Amino acid sequence: MSLEVWALFVLTESLLCLTPGPAVLLVVAQALTRGAAASGWATLGILGRNDVMEGVPEMIDEVQIEGTFPDGTKLVTIHHPIR
């Protein structure tokens, strides 16, 4: 392998390592267009069956998140969060 090919390979791999993946781009896009709360929802939506151990999706029927706002607290329930 010539030095030019090796240098091009190293440069290309370095750029690919610095490029965020599609999940990161989704969260950033949601935060920029809809605000921080939407980016949190986008982050929750990234988790899938392949991301957890076997049997975990069946054990978790719902996830509850409580947030404090100027007009009081709100409880949000997500049913079957891992699909």
Protein backbone atom coordinates (compact mmCIF):
# COMPACT_ATOMS: atom_id res chain seq x y z
CA MET A 1 0.00 0.00 0.00
CA SER A 2 1.39 3.37 -0.97
CA LEU A 3 1.74 6.26 1.45
CA GLU A 4 -0.91 8.30 -0.39
CA VAL A 5 -3.51 5.53 -0.10
CA TRP A 6 -2.72 5.04 3.58
CA ALA A 7 -2.96 8.79 4.27
CA LEU A 8 -6.29 9.01 2.43
CA PHE A 9 -7.60 6.05 4.45
CA VAL A 10 -6.55 7.67 7.75
CA LEU A 11 -8.11 11.00 6.77
CA THR A 12 -11.38 9.34 5.69
CA GLU A 13 -11.63 7.25 8.87
CA SER A 14 -10.88 10.30 11.03
CA LEU A 15 -13.72 12.24 9.38
CA LEU A 16 -16.11 9.31 9.77
CA CYS A 17 -15.28 9.04 13.47
CA LEU A 18 -16.15 12.71 13.99
CA THR A 19 -19.47 12.45 12.12
CA PRO A 20 -22.42 11.84 14.46
CA GLY A 21 -24.70 8.93 13.76
CA PRO A 22 -28.34 9.20 12.72
CA ALA A 23 -29.60 8.91 16.31
CA VAL A 24 -27.53 11.91 17.41
CA LEU A 25 -28.66 13.91 14.39
CA LEU A 26 -32.31 13.13 15.20
CA VAL A 27 -31.97 14.35 18.79
CA VAL A 28 -30.13 17.52 17.77
CA ALA A 29 -32.66 18.27 15.03
CA GLN A 30 -35.56 17.84 17.46
CA ALA A 31 -33.87 20.11 20.00
CA LEU A 32 -33.23 22.83 17.43
CA THR A 33 -36.68 22.77 15.83
CA ARG A 34 -39.00 21.91 18.73
CA GLY A 35 -37.06 22.56 21.92
CA ALA A 36 -35.39 20.57 24.67
CA ALA A 37 -38.50 18.59 25.63
CA ALA A 38 -38.84 17.21 22.10
CA SER A 39 -35.21 16.12 22.11
CA GLY A 40 -35.91 14.19 25.30
CA TRP A 41 -38.79 12.39 23.60
CA ALA A 42 -36.57 11.67 20.61
CA THR A 43 -33.97 10.19 22.95
CA LEU A 44 -36.59 7.91 24.49
CA GLY A 45 -37.69 6.78 21.06
CA ILE A 46 -34.25 5.51 20.10
CA LEU A 47 -34.30 2.47 22.39
CA GLY A 48 -35.35 -0.68 20.56
CA ARG A 49 -35.54 -4.43 21.15
CA ASN A 50 -32.00 -4.91 19.85
CA ASP A 51 -30.65 -2.48 22.45
CA VAL A 52 -31.70 -4.45 25.53
CA MET A 53 -31.28 -7.97 26.87
CA GLU A 54 -33.71 -10.73 25.99
CA GLY A 55 -36.90 -10.60 28.04
CA VAL A 56 -36.55 -6.95 29.09
CA PRO A 57 -39.22 -5.55 26.71
CA GLU A 58 -41.76 -7.97 28.15
CA MET A 59 -40.91 -6.95 31.74
CA ILE A 60 -41.32 -3.19 31.20
CA ASP A 61 -44.97 -2.42 30.47
CA GLU A 62 -44.78 1.31 31.14
CA VAL A 63 -42.40 4.13 32.05
CA GLN A 64 -43.56 7.19 33.98
CA ILE A 65 -41.83 10.56 33.86
CA GLU A 66 -42.83 13.46 36.11
CA GLY A 67 -41.85 17.00 35.22
CA THR A 68 -42.24 20.21 37.19
CA PHE A 69 -43.57 23.21 35.29
CA PRO A 70 -44.58 26.73 36.38
CA ASP A 71 -48.25 25.65 36.47
CA GLY A 72 -47.58 22.48 38.47
CA THR A 73 -46.30 18.96 37.91
CA LYS A 74 -47.24 16.70 35.04
CA LEU A 75 -46.98 12.92 34.91
CA VAL A 76 -46.45 11.32 31.52
CA THR A 77 -46.88 7.56 31.07
CA ILE A 78 -45.38 5.74 28.10
CA HIS A 79 -46.95 2.33 27.51
CA HIS A 80 -44.70 -0.40 26.02
CA PRO A 81 -41.66 1.89 25.66
CA ILE A 82 -39.43 -0.77 24.11
CA ARG A 83 -40.76 -2.04 20.79
